[in-house]
Amino acid sequence: MRWVQLGRLGAPYGIKGWVHVESHTEPPERLLEYPVWSLRLRSGERLARTLREGRAHGSGLVVQLEGVADRAAAQQLTGAAVEVERAALPATGAREFYRADLVGLTVSNLEGAELGTVSHFIDAPGGALMVVRESGGREHWVPAGPQHLRQVKLEAGAIVVDWPVELD
């Protein structure tokens, strides 16, 4: 089973078990459409919690989860990753991909030079960056927009980018 992280629980909100949530969905409120959340605690333990209530609050969300009745219980969940099964995510459109589907793919540029494999993504002010790591540890930070992602072949496990090696 593949899990995709859609958010992270923050500090408690109030005294009745509500929790701040940093949503990684677009828009952030889309996270509230998932009725059951799998929480991966910092210890690695996984818990399932039903979403009882939630709403936008500032730049994030606040939620109340089933079984979390007070501030102390909410505090124990601080830092937990909110994950859903990959199969539960909606289908993507043409030239749209979930980041989780790109992690681990081999990346080469238009000249055929292999840059490495996708390690993770970083959200930067100018847009998302795809971190591509060579086997020796060197990293290439490639903008993850359509201008630079020329071809994604999920079945073949490969990505072709318009990104020269010498820019790094």
N, C-alpha and C. Protein backbone atom coordinates (compact mmCIF):
# COMPACT_ATOMS: atom_id res chain seq x y z
N MET A 1 0.85 -1.17 0.00
CA MET A 1 0.00 0.00 0.00
C MET A 1 0.89 1.24 0.00
N ARG A 2 0.62 2.18 -0.90
CA ARG A 2 1.39 3.42 -0.99
C ARG A 2 0.63 4.54 -0.30
N TRP A 3 1.33 5.27 0.53
CA TRP A 3 0.75 6.39 1.25
C TRP A 3 1.30 7.69 0.69
N VAL A 4 0.44 8.72 0.64
CA VAL A 4 0.83 10.04 0.18
C VAL A 4 0.52 11.03 1.29
N GLN A 5 1.53 11.81 1.65
CA GLN A 5 1.35 12.81 2.71
C GLN A 5 0.62 14.02 2.15
N LEU A 6 -0.50 14.37 2.79
CA LEU A 6 -1.29 15.52 2.36
C LEU A 6 -1.28 16.66 3.37
N GLY A 7 -0.62 16.46 4.49
CA GLY A 7 -0.57 17.52 5.49
C GLY A 7 0.20 17.08 6.72
N ARG A 8 0.24 17.98 7.71
CA ARG A 8 0.92 17.70 8.96
C ARG A 8 0.15 18.39 10.09
N LEU A 9 -0.01 17.66 11.19
CA LEU A 9 -0.69 18.22 12.35
C LEU A 9 0.27 19.13 13.11
N GLY A 10 -0.28 20.24 13.57
CA GLY A 10 0.50 21.19 14.34
C GLY A 10 0.08 21.18 15.80
N ALA A 11 0.20 22.32 16.41
CA ALA A 11 -0.09 22.47 17.84
C ALA A 11 -1.60 22.38 18.09
N PRO A 12 -1.96 22.08 19.33
CA PRO A 12 -3.38 22.08 19.69
C PRO A 12 -3.99 23.47 19.48
N TYR A 13 -5.30 23.47 19.26
CA TYR A 13 -6.06 24.72 19.09
C TYR A 13 -7.17 24.70 20.14
N GLY A 14 -7.01 25.44 21.18
CA GLY A 14 -8.01 25.46 22.24
C GLY A 14 -7.85 24.29 23.19
N ILE A 15 -8.92 24.03 23.97
CA ILE A 15 -8.85 23.00 25.01
C ILE A 15 -9.75 21.79 24.73
N LYS A 16 -10.45 21.79 23.59
CA LYS A 16 -11.41 20.72 23.31
C LYS A 16 -10.94 19.71 22.27
N GLY A 17 -9.61 19.60 22.09
CA GLY A 17 -9.08 18.58 21.20
C GLY A 17 -8.88 19.01 19.75
N TRP A 18 -9.14 20.25 19.43
CA TRP A 18 -8.91 20.72 18.06
C TRP A 18 -7.41 20.84 17.82
N VAL A 19 -7.01 20.72 16.54
CA VAL A 19 -5.60 20.72 16.17
C VAL A 19 -5.39 21.60 14.94
N HIS A 20 -4.30 22.36 14.94
CA HIS A 20 -3.89 23.09 13.73
C HIS A 20 -3.38 22.08 12.71
N VAL A 21 -3.65 22.35 11.42
CA VAL A 21 -3.19 21.47 10.35
C VAL A 21 -2.56 22.31 9.24
N GLU A 22 -1.38 21.88 8.81
CA GLU A 22 -0.75 22.45 7.63
C GLU A 22 -1.15 21.53 6.47
N SER A 23 -1.94 22.06 5.54
CA SER A 23 -2.42 21.27 4.42
C SER A 23 -1.49 21.41 3.23
N HIS A 24 -1.22 20.31 2.54
CA HIS A 24 -0.39 20.32 1.35
C HIS A 24 -1.25 20.18 0.09
N THR A 25 -2.56 20.31 0.23
CA THR A 25 -3.45 20.20 -0.92
C THR A 25 -3.73 21.57 -1.50
N GLU A 26 -4.23 21.59 -2.70
CA GLU A 26 -4.58 22.85 -3.37
C GLU A 26 -6.02 22.77 -3.82
N PRO A 27 -6.92 23.56 -3.29
CA PRO A 27 -6.74 24.48 -2.17
C PRO A 27 -6.60 23.72 -0.86
N PRO A 28 -6.12 24.38 0.20
CA PRO A 28 -5.90 23.71 1.48
C PRO A 28 -7.13 22.98 2.03
N GLU A 29 -8.32 23.52 1.79
CA GLU A 29 -9.55 22.92 2.30
C GLU A 29 -9.87 21.57 1.67
N ARG A 30 -9.21 21.24 0.58
CA ARG A 30 -9.45 19.94 -0.07
C ARG A 30 -9.11 18.78 0.87
N LEU A 31 -8.22 19.00 1.80
CA LEU A 31 -7.87 17.96 2.77
C LEU A 31 -9.09 17.54 3.58
N LEU A 32 -10.02 18.47 3.78
CA LEU A 32 -11.22 18.18 4.57
C LEU A 32 -12.19 17.24 3.83
N GLU A 33 -11.95 16.96 2.57
CA GLU A 33 -12.80 16.06 1.79
C GLU A 33 -12.53 14.59 2.09
N TYR A 34 -11.43 14.32 2.79
CA TYR A 34 -11.08 12.94 3.14
C TYR A 34 -11.64 12.64 4.52
N PRO A 35 -12.62 11.73 4.62
CA PRO A 35 -13.30 11.50 5.90
C PRO A 35 -12.46 10.75 6.93
N VAL A 36 -11.51 9.93 6.47
CA VAL A 36 -10.65 9.18 7.39
C VAL A 36 -9.20 9.52 7.08
N TRP A 37 -8.47 9.91 8.12
CA TRP A 37 -7.06 10.25 7.96
C TRP A 37 -6.21 9.17 8.60
N SER A 38 -5.15 8.82 7.92
CA SER A 38 -4.14 7.95 8.51
C SER A 38 -3.05 8.88 9.03
N LEU A 39 -2.81 8.81 10.32
CA LEU A 39 -1.79 9.65 10.94
C LEU A 39 -0.54 8.81 11.19
N ARG A 40 0.58 9.28 10.67
CA ARG A 40 1.86 8.62 10.94
C ARG A 40 2.57 9.46 11.98
N LEU A 41 2.63 8.93 13.20
CA LEU A 41 3.24 9.65 14.30
C LEU A 41 4.76 9.70 14.13
N ARG A 42 5.41 10.56 14.88
CA ARG A 42 6.87 10.68 14.80
C ARG A 42 7.55 9.36 15.13
N SER A 43 6.92 8.54 15.95
CA SER A 43 7.47 7.24 16.33
C SER A 43 7.38 6.22 15.18
N GLY A 44 6.61 6.56 14.14
CA GLY A 44 6.39 5.66 13.02
C GLY A 44 5.07 4.91 13.13
N GLU A 45 4.47 4.95 14.31
CA GLU A 45 3.17 4.30 14.52
C GLU A 45 2.12 4.97 13.64
N ARG A 46 1.19 4.19 13.14
CA ARG A 46 0.12 4.70 12.28
C ARG A 46 -1.22 4.53 12.99
N LEU A 47 -2.00 5.62 13.01
CA LEU A 47 -3.34 5.62 13.61
C LEU A 47 -4.35 6.09 12.57
N ALA A 48 -5.53 5.52 12.58
CA ALA A 48 -6.62 6.01 11.72
C ALA A 48 -7.55 6.85 12.58
N ARG A 49 -7.89 8.02 12.09
CA ARG A 49 -8.82 8.90 12.80
C ARG A 49 -9.84 9.46 11.82
N THR A 50 -11.10 9.45 12.23
CA THR A 50 -12.17 10.02 11.42
C THR A 50 -12.23 11.52 11.67
N LEU A 51 -12.37 12.27 10.61
CA LEU A 51 -12.50 13.72 10.69
C LEU A 51 -13.91 14.04 11.15
N ARG A 52 -14.03 14.69 12.31
CA ARG A 52 -15.35 15.06 12.82
C ARG A 52 -15.77 16.43 12.30
N GLU A 53 -14.83 17.35 12.28
CA GLU A 53 -15.14 18.72 11.88
C GLU A 53 -13.85 19.42 11.49
N GLY A 54 -13.94 20.39 10.59
CA GLY A 54 -12.76 21.14 10.20
C GLY A 54 -13.13 22.40 9.46
N ARG A 55 -12.21 23.35 9.48
CA ARG A 55 -12.45 24.62 8.79
C ARG A 55 -11.13 25.34 8.55
N ALA A 56 -11.18 26.31 7.62
CA ALA A 56 -10.01 27.15 7.36
C ALA A 56 -9.76 28.03 8.58
N HIS A 57 -8.49 28.25 8.85
CA HIS A 57 -8.12 29.11 9.98
C HIS A 57 -6.75 29.72 9.66
N GLY A 58 -6.72 31.03 9.42
CA GLY A 58 -5.47 31.68 9.03
C GLY A 58 -4.97 31.12 7.72
N SER A 59 -3.70 30.74 7.68
CA SER A 59 -3.13 30.17 6.45
C SER A 59 -3.25 28.65 6.41
N GLY A 60 -3.90 28.06 7.41
CA GLY A 60 -4.04 26.61 7.44
C GLY A 60 -5.45 26.19 7.77
N LEU A 61 -5.55 25.11 8.51
CA LEU A 61 -6.84 24.56 8.92
C LEU A 61 -6.81 24.27 10.41
N VAL A 62 -7.98 24.12 11.00
CA VAL A 62 -8.11 23.54 12.33
C VAL A 62 -9.15 22.43 12.20
N VAL A 63 -8.88 21.32 12.89
CA VAL A 63 -9.77 20.17 12.79
C VAL A 63 -9.99 19.54 14.15
N GLN A 64 -11.10 18.81 14.23
CA GLN A 64 -11.36 17.97 15.38
C GLN A 64 -11.48 16.54 14.85
N LEU A 65 -10.68 15.65 15.43
CA LEU A 65 -10.65 14.26 15.01
C LEU A 65 -11.32 13.40 16.07
N GLU A 66 -11.97 12.34 15.60
CA GLU A 66 -12.62 11.40 16.50
C GLU A 66 -11.58 10.82 17.47
N GLY A 67 -11.95 10.76 18.75
CA GLY A 67 -11.05 10.19 19.75
C GLY A 67 -10.05 11.17 20.33
N VAL A 68 -10.12 12.43 19.91
CA VAL A 68 -9.22 13.46 20.43
C VAL A 68 -10.10 14.49 21.13
N ALA A 69 -10.25 14.32 22.45
CA ALA A 69 -11.25 15.09 23.18
C ALA A 69 -10.71 16.28 23.95
N ASP A 70 -9.39 16.35 24.16
CA ASP A 70 -8.87 17.47 24.96
C ASP A 70 -7.50 17.89 24.44
N ARG A 71 -6.99 18.95 25.04
CA ARG A 71 -5.72 19.53 24.61
C ARG A 71 -4.56 18.53 24.75
N ALA A 72 -4.55 17.75 25.80
CA ALA A 72 -3.47 16.79 26.03
C ALA A 72 -3.44 15.74 24.91
N ALA A 73 -4.60 15.25 24.53
CA ALA A 73 -4.67 14.26 23.44
C ALA A 73 -4.23 14.89 22.12
N ALA A 74 -4.61 16.14 21.90
CA ALA A 74 -4.21 16.85 20.68
C ALA A 74 -2.70 17.06 20.66
N GLN A 75 -2.13 17.37 21.81
CA GLN A 75 -0.68 17.61 21.92
C GLN A 75 0.11 16.37 21.51
N GLN A 76 -0.40 15.20 21.83
CA GLN A 76 0.30 13.95 21.49
C GLN A 76 0.38 13.71 19.99
N LEU A 77 -0.48 14.38 19.22
CA LEU A 77 -0.49 14.20 17.77
C LEU A 77 0.35 15.25 17.03
N THR A 78 0.90 16.23 17.74
CA THR A 78 1.68 17.29 17.11
C THR A 78 2.81 16.69 16.28
N GLY A 79 2.90 17.13 15.05
CA GLY A 79 3.95 16.66 14.14
C GLY A 79 3.57 15.44 13.32
N ALA A 80 2.41 14.85 13.58
CA ALA A 80 2.01 13.65 12.83
C ALA A 80 1.73 14.01 11.37
N ALA A 81 2.15 13.15 10.46
CA ALA A 81 1.86 13.33 9.04
C ALA A 81 0.45 12.83 8.75
N VAL A 82 -0.30 13.60 7.97
CA VAL A 82 -1.64 13.19 7.54
C VAL A 82 -1.46 12.53 6.17
N GLU A 83 -1.81 11.25 6.09
CA GLU A 83 -1.60 10.51 4.86
C GLU A 83 -2.88 9.83 4.39
N VAL A 84 -2.96 9.65 3.08
CA VAL A 84 -4.06 8.88 2.49
C VAL A 84 -3.45 7.88 1.53
N GLU A 85 -4.21 6.83 1.23
CA GLU A 85 -3.75 5.86 0.26
C GLU A 85 -3.68 6.52 -1.12
N ARG A 86 -2.67 6.20 -1.87
CA ARG A 86 -2.50 6.76 -3.21
C ARG A 86 -3.74 6.50 -4.06
N ALA A 87 -4.34 5.34 -3.92
CA ALA A 87 -5.51 4.97 -4.72
C ALA A 87 -6.71 5.86 -4.41
N ALA A 88 -6.72 6.53 -3.26
CA ALA A 88 -7.85 7.38 -2.89
C ALA A 88 -7.78 8.77 -3.52
N LEU A 89 -6.66 9.11 -4.12
CA LEU A 89 -6.50 10.43 -4.73
C LEU A 89 -7.23 10.50 -6.06
N PRO A 90 -7.77 11.66 -6.41
CA PRO A 90 -8.45 11.79 -7.70
C PRO A 90 -7.47 11.62 -8.87
N ALA A 91 -8.00 11.23 -10.00
CA ALA A 91 -7.19 11.09 -11.21
C ALA A 91 -6.62 12.45 -11.61
N THR A 92 -5.47 12.42 -12.23
CA THR A 92 -4.84 13.66 -12.69
C THR A 92 -5.22 13.92 -14.14
N GLY A 93 -5.07 15.16 -14.56
CA GLY A 93 -5.32 15.53 -15.95
C GLY A 93 -4.08 15.32 -16.80
N ALA A 94 -4.18 15.70 -18.05
CA ALA A 94 -3.05 15.59 -18.97
C ALA A 94 -1.91 16.46 -18.46
N ARG A 95 -0.70 15.91 -18.46
CA ARG A 95 0.52 16.61 -18.00
C ARG A 95 0.41 17.07 -16.55
N GLU A 96 -0.40 16.39 -15.75
CA GLU A 96 -0.46 16.63 -14.31
C GLU A 96 -0.01 15.36 -13.61
N PHE A 97 0.77 15.53 -12.55
CA PHE A 97 1.30 14.39 -11.83
C PHE A 97 1.32 14.70 -10.34
N TYR A 98 1.13 13.68 -9.55
CA TYR A 98 1.34 13.83 -8.12
C TYR A 98 2.83 13.71 -7.86
N ARG A 99 3.34 14.55 -6.98
CA ARG A 99 4.75 14.50 -6.66
C ARG A 99 5.16 13.11 -6.19
N ALA A 100 4.30 12.48 -5.42
CA ALA A 100 4.62 11.15 -4.88
C ALA A 100 4.87 10.15 -6.00
N ASP A 101 4.24 10.35 -7.17
CA ASP A 101 4.44 9.43 -8.29
C ASP A 101 5.77 9.66 -8.99
N LEU A 102 6.38 10.83 -8.78
CA LEU A 102 7.63 11.16 -9.45
C LEU A 102 8.86 10.80 -8.61
N VAL A 103 8.69 10.70 -7.30
CA VAL A 103 9.81 10.36 -6.43
C VAL A 103 10.32 8.97 -6.80
N GLY A 104 11.64 8.87 -6.99
CA GLY A 104 12.27 7.60 -7.35
C GLY A 104 12.48 7.41 -8.84
N LEU A 105 11.90 8.29 -9.67
CA LEU A 105 12.09 8.16 -11.12
C LEU A 105 13.47 8.67 -11.52
N THR A 106 14.02 8.08 -12.57
CA THR A 106 15.32 8.47 -13.11
C THR A 106 15.14 9.71 -13.98
N VAL A 107 16.05 10.67 -13.83
CA VAL A 107 15.97 11.93 -14.55
C VAL A 107 17.18 12.08 -15.47
N SER A 108 16.90 12.41 -16.73
CA SER A 108 17.96 12.75 -17.68
C SER A 108 17.57 14.05 -18.37
N ASN A 109 18.58 14.71 -18.95
CA ASN A 109 18.26 15.96 -19.63
C ASN A 109 18.12 15.74 -21.14
N LEU A 110 17.83 16.80 -21.86
CA LEU A 110 17.59 16.71 -23.31
C LEU A 110 18.81 16.20 -24.07
N GLU A 111 20.01 16.41 -23.51
CA GLU A 111 21.24 15.94 -24.14
C GLU A 111 21.50 14.46 -23.83
N GLY A 112 20.68 13.85 -22.99
CA GLY A 112 20.84 12.45 -22.65
C GLY A 112 21.68 12.17 -21.41
N ALA A 113 22.16 13.22 -20.74
CA ALA A 113 22.96 13.03 -19.53
C ALA A 113 22.03 12.67 -18.37
N GLU A 114 22.37 11.61 -17.65
CA GLU A 114 21.57 11.20 -16.50
C GLU A 114 21.94 12.06 -15.31
N LEU A 115 20.92 12.67 -14.68
CA LEU A 115 21.14 13.54 -13.54
C LEU A 115 20.99 12.82 -12.20
N GLY A 116 20.27 11.71 -12.18
CA GLY A 116 20.04 10.97 -10.94
C GLY A 116 18.58 10.58 -10.81
N THR A 117 18.13 10.44 -9.58
CA THR A 117 16.73 10.09 -9.32
C THR A 117 16.08 11.17 -8.46
N VAL A 118 14.77 11.31 -8.61
CA VAL A 118 14.03 12.30 -7.84
C VAL A 118 14.01 11.87 -6.38
N SER A 119 14.53 12.72 -5.51
CA SER A 119 14.59 12.45 -4.08
C SER A 119 13.36 13.00 -3.37
N HIS A 120 13.07 14.28 -3.64
CA HIS A 120 11.94 14.96 -3.00
C HIS A 120 11.71 16.29 -3.70
N PHE A 121 10.74 17.04 -3.20
CA PHE A 121 10.41 18.36 -3.75
C PHE A 121 10.55 19.42 -2.67
N ILE A 122 10.88 20.62 -3.10
CA ILE A 122 10.96 21.77 -2.19
C ILE A 122 10.06 22.85 -2.77
N ASP A 123 9.22 23.43 -1.92
CA ASP A 123 8.40 24.56 -2.35
C ASP A 123 9.19 25.83 -2.10
N ALA A 124 9.55 26.51 -3.19
CA ALA A 124 10.31 27.75 -3.12
C ALA A 124 9.42 28.91 -3.56
N PRO A 125 9.80 30.15 -3.25
CA PRO A 125 8.97 31.29 -3.66
C PRO A 125 8.69 31.35 -5.15
N GLY A 126 9.63 30.89 -5.98
CA GLY A 126 9.44 30.92 -7.43
C GLY A 126 8.73 29.71 -7.98
N GLY A 127 8.36 28.77 -7.13
CA GLY A 127 7.69 27.55 -7.57
C GLY A 127 8.38 26.32 -7.02
N ALA A 128 7.81 25.17 -7.31
CA ALA A 128 8.34 23.91 -6.78
C ALA A 128 9.65 23.55 -7.47
N LEU A 129 10.56 22.97 -6.67
CA LEU A 129 11.83 22.47 -7.18
C LEU A 129 11.89 20.97 -6.97
N MET A 130 12.32 20.26 -7.99
CA MET A 130 12.49 18.82 -7.91
C MET A 130 13.96 18.57 -7.56
N VAL A 131 14.19 17.90 -6.43
CA VAL A 131 15.56 17.62 -6.01
C VAL A 131 15.95 16.26 -6.59
N VAL A 132 16.94 16.29 -7.48
CA VAL A 132 17.41 15.09 -8.17
C VAL A 132 18.79 14.76 -7.61
N ARG A 133 18.93 13.57 -7.08
CA ARG A 133 20.18 13.18 -6.41
C ARG A 133 20.93 12.12 -7.22
N GLU A 134 22.21 12.40 -7.46
CA GLU A 134 23.09 11.42 -8.10
C GLU A 134 23.49 10.37 -7.07
N SER A 135 23.98 9.23 -7.52
CA SER A 135 24.39 8.16 -6.60
C SER A 135 25.52 8.62 -5.68
N GLY A 136 26.34 9.56 -6.12
CA GLY A 136 27.43 10.08 -5.29
C GLY A 136 26.99 11.13 -4.29
N GLY A 137 25.72 11.51 -4.31
CA GLY A 137 25.21 12.47 -3.35
C GLY A 137 25.01 13.88 -3.89
N ARG A 138 25.57 14.20 -5.04
CA ARG A 138 25.39 15.53 -5.63
C ARG A 138 23.92 15.73 -5.98
N GLU A 139 23.42 16.94 -5.77
CA GLU A 139 22.01 17.24 -6.05
C GLU A 139 21.88 18.26 -7.17
N HIS A 140 20.83 18.09 -7.95
CA HIS A 140 20.42 19.06 -8.96
C HIS A 140 19.03 19.54 -8.55
N TRP A 141 18.85 20.83 -8.44
CA TRP A 141 17.53 21.38 -8.09
C TRP A 141 16.91 21.91 -9.37
N VAL A 142 15.95 21.18 -9.89
CA VAL A 142 15.34 21.48 -11.18
C VAL A 142 13.94 22.05 -10.96
N PRO A 143 13.64 23.22 -11.53
CA PRO A 143 12.27 23.75 -11.43
C PRO A 143 11.29 22.71 -11.98
N ALA A 144 10.19 22.50 -11.24
CA ALA A 144 9.24 21.43 -11.58
C ALA A 144 8.06 21.92 -12.40
N GLY A 145 8.26 22.93 -13.20
CA GLY A 145 7.19 23.44 -14.05
C GLY A 145 7.25 22.86 -15.44
N PRO A 146 6.21 23.07 -16.25
CA PRO A 146 6.14 22.52 -17.60
C PRO A 146 7.29 22.96 -18.51
N GLN A 147 7.85 24.14 -18.25
CA GLN A 147 8.96 24.64 -19.07
C GLN A 147 10.18 23.71 -18.96
N HIS A 148 10.37 23.11 -17.79
CA HIS A 148 11.55 22.27 -17.57
C HIS A 148 11.26 20.78 -17.58
N LEU A 149 10.05 20.39 -17.21
CA LEU A 149 9.68 18.97 -17.26
C LEU A 149 9.15 18.69 -18.66
N ARG A 150 9.98 18.15 -19.52
CA ARG A 150 9.60 17.96 -20.91
C ARG A 150 8.83 16.67 -21.15
N GLN A 151 9.19 15.62 -20.43
CA GLN A 151 8.53 14.34 -20.67
C GLN A 151 8.56 13.53 -19.38
N VAL A 152 7.41 13.01 -19.00
CA VAL A 152 7.32 12.13 -17.84
C VAL A 152 6.75 10.81 -18.33
N LYS A 153 7.52 9.75 -18.12
CA LYS A 153 7.11 8.41 -18.53
C LYS A 153 6.99 7.57 -17.26
N LEU A 154 5.81 7.60 -16.65
CA LEU A 154 5.61 6.88 -15.39
C LEU A 154 5.89 5.39 -15.53
N GLU A 155 5.38 4.79 -16.60
CA GLU A 155 5.53 3.34 -16.80
C GLU A 155 7.00 2.96 -16.94
N ALA A 156 7.79 3.81 -17.58
CA ALA A 156 9.21 3.54 -17.79
C ALA A 156 10.06 4.01 -16.61
N GLY A 157 9.46 4.77 -15.70
CA GLY A 157 10.20 5.26 -14.54
C GLY A 157 11.22 6.33 -14.89
N ALA A 158 10.87 7.19 -15.88
CA ALA A 158 11.84 8.16 -16.37
C ALA A 158 11.22 9.54 -16.58
N ILE A 159 12.06 10.53 -16.41
CA ILE A 159 11.69 11.93 -16.65
C ILE A 159 12.78 12.56 -17.50
N VAL A 160 12.38 13.35 -18.51
CA VAL A 160 13.33 14.11 -19.32
C VAL A 160 13.09 15.58 -19.00
N VAL A 161 14.19 16.28 -18.66
CA VAL A 161 14.11 17.67 -18.28
C VAL A 161 14.95 18.55 -19.19
N ASP A 162 14.55 19.79 -19.32
CA ASP A 162 15.34 20.79 -20.03
C ASP A 162 16.16 21.51 -18.97
N TRP A 163 17.31 20.90 -18.64
CA TRP A 163 18.13 21.42 -17.55
C TRP A 163 19.57 20.98 -17.79
N PRO A 164 20.44 21.93 -18.13
CA PRO A 164 21.85 21.55 -18.38
C PRO A 164 22.59 21.21 -17.07
N VAL A 165 23.47 20.24 -17.15
CA VAL A 165 24.22 19.81 -15.98
C VAL A 165 25.11 20.93 -15.45
N GLU A 166 25.69 21.73 -16.32
CA GLU A 166 26.65 22.75 -15.89
C GLU A 166 26.05 23.91 -15.10
N LEU A 167 24.74 24.06 -15.04
CA LEU A 167 24.14 25.12 -14.23
C LEU A 167 24.31 24.88 -12.74
N ASP A 168 24.54 23.64 -12.37
CA ASP A 168 24.68 23.32 -10.96
C ASP A 168 26.05 23.70 -10.50
